[in-house]
């Protein structure tokens, strides 16, 4: 995946999460579909890049990965997950 796709995914994740609002989450598919539509790609091909981007953002403290509604360790989670912005302190 090119860096520009990854930067588009980062922007889409953060924009969609902000639009949902504090305490609400988005699915990884939301970001994949958003970027795929603008680039004429199959959104399924973007799911792994979305996951990598989400993990990086979570490690940077800019995103929270949720598993079953609870924050998950970005280095150790499996299965269905959602994305949200960190709660303001």
Protein backbone atom coordinates (compact mmCIF):
# COMPACT_ATOMS: atom_id res chain seq x y z
CA UNK A 1 0.00 0.00 0.00
CA UNK A 2 1.33 3.39 -0.86
CA UNK A 3 2.05 5.98 1.78
CA UNK A 4 -0.58 8.30 0.31
CA UNK A 5 -3.26 5.62 0.84
CA UNK A 6 -2.09 5.20 4.43
CA UNK A 7 -2.19 8.95 5.02
CA UNK A 8 -5.70 9.02 3.49
CA UNK A 9 -6.71 6.20 5.86
CA UNK A 10 -5.30 8.07 8.84
CA UNK A 11 -7.20 11.21 7.88
CA UNK A 12 -10.41 9.24 7.28
CA UNK A 13 -10.17 7.38 10.62
CA UNK A 14 -9.62 10.58 12.59
CA UNK A 15 -12.25 12.56 10.66
CA UNK A 16 -14.94 9.87 10.94
CA UNK A 17 -14.21 9.26 14.63
CA UNK A 18 -14.42 13.01 15.34
CA UNK A 19 -17.69 13.25 13.40
CA UNK A 20 -19.18 10.43 15.51
CA UNK A 21 -18.33 12.34 18.67
CA UNK A 22 -16.93 11.63 22.09
CA UNK A 23 -17.82 8.26 23.49
CA UNK A 24 -18.93 6.85 20.13
CA UNK A 25 -16.97 4.64 17.77
CA UNK A 26 -16.58 3.78 14.11
CA UNK A 27 -15.91 0.44 12.49
CA UNK A 28 -12.73 -0.13 10.48
CA UNK A 29 -14.95 -0.76 7.47
CA UNK A 30 -16.20 2.84 7.65
CA UNK A 31 -12.69 4.18 7.00
CA UNK A 32 -11.93 1.54 4.36
CA UNK A 33 -15.13 2.34 2.45
CA UNK A 34 -14.50 6.09 2.71
CA UNK A 35 -11.03 5.87 1.17
CA UNK A 36 -11.94 3.14 -1.34
CA UNK A 37 -14.77 5.25 -2.75
CA UNK A 38 -12.45 8.17 -3.44
CA UNK A 39 -9.80 5.94 -5.07
CA UNK A 40 -12.02 3.48 -6.97
CA UNK A 41 -10.73 0.50 -4.94
CA UNK A 42 -12.37 -2.53 -3.38
CA UNK A 43 -12.72 -1.54 0.29
CA UNK A 44 -11.90 -5.08 1.43
CA UNK A 45 -8.30 -4.59 0.24
CA UNK A 46 -7.94 -1.71 2.71
CA UNK A 47 -8.90 -3.59 5.88
CA UNK A 48 -5.34 -4.65 6.77
CA UNK A 49 -3.94 -1.16 6.07
CA UNK A 50 -6.72 0.29 8.27
CA UNK A 51 -5.71 -2.08 11.06
CA UNK A 52 -2.02 -1.13 10.74
CA UNK A 53 -2.91 2.56 10.72
CA UNK A 54 -5.21 2.17 13.74
CA UNK A 55 -2.49 0.34 15.68
CA UNK A 56 0.02 3.10 14.92
CA UNK A 57 -2.43 5.83 15.93
CA UNK A 58 -3.28 3.95 19.15
CA UNK A 59 0.42 3.61 20.01
CA UNK A 60 0.76 7.38 19.48
CA UNK A 61 -2.18 7.99 21.83
CA UNK A 62 -4.31 9.55 19.09
CA UNK A 63 -6.87 6.73 18.87
CA UNK A 64 -8.35 4.01 21.08
CA UNK A 65 -9.00 0.51 19.78
CA UNK A 66 -12.07 -1.02 21.37
CA UNK A 67 -12.75 -4.71 21.74
CA UNK A 68 -16.18 -5.62 23.14
CA UNK A 69 -16.61 -1.96 24.11
CA UNK A 70 -13.43 -1.78 26.19
CA UNK A 71 -9.99 -0.36 25.33
CA UNK A 72 -7.71 -3.03 23.88
CA UNK A 73 -3.94 -3.29 23.84
CA UNK A 74 -2.95 -2.23 20.30
CA UNK A 75 -0.20 -4.83 20.32
CA UNK A 76 -2.42 -7.70 21.43
CA UNK A 77 -6.01 -7.84 20.19
CA UNK A 78 -7.89 -10.19 17.90
CA UNK A 79 -11.25 -10.29 16.21
CA UNK A 80 -13.84 -7.60 15.73
CA UNK A 81 -12.81 -4.14 16.88
CA UNK A 82 -13.96 -0.54 16.74
CA UNK A 83 -12.17 2.79 16.82
CA UNK A 84 -12.75 5.89 18.91
CA UNK A 85 -10.92 9.03 19.90
CA UNK A 86 -9.35 9.17 23.38
CA UNK A 87 -11.48 10.79 26.05
CA UNK A 88 -10.41 14.37 26.82
CA UNK A 89 -8.60 14.66 30.12
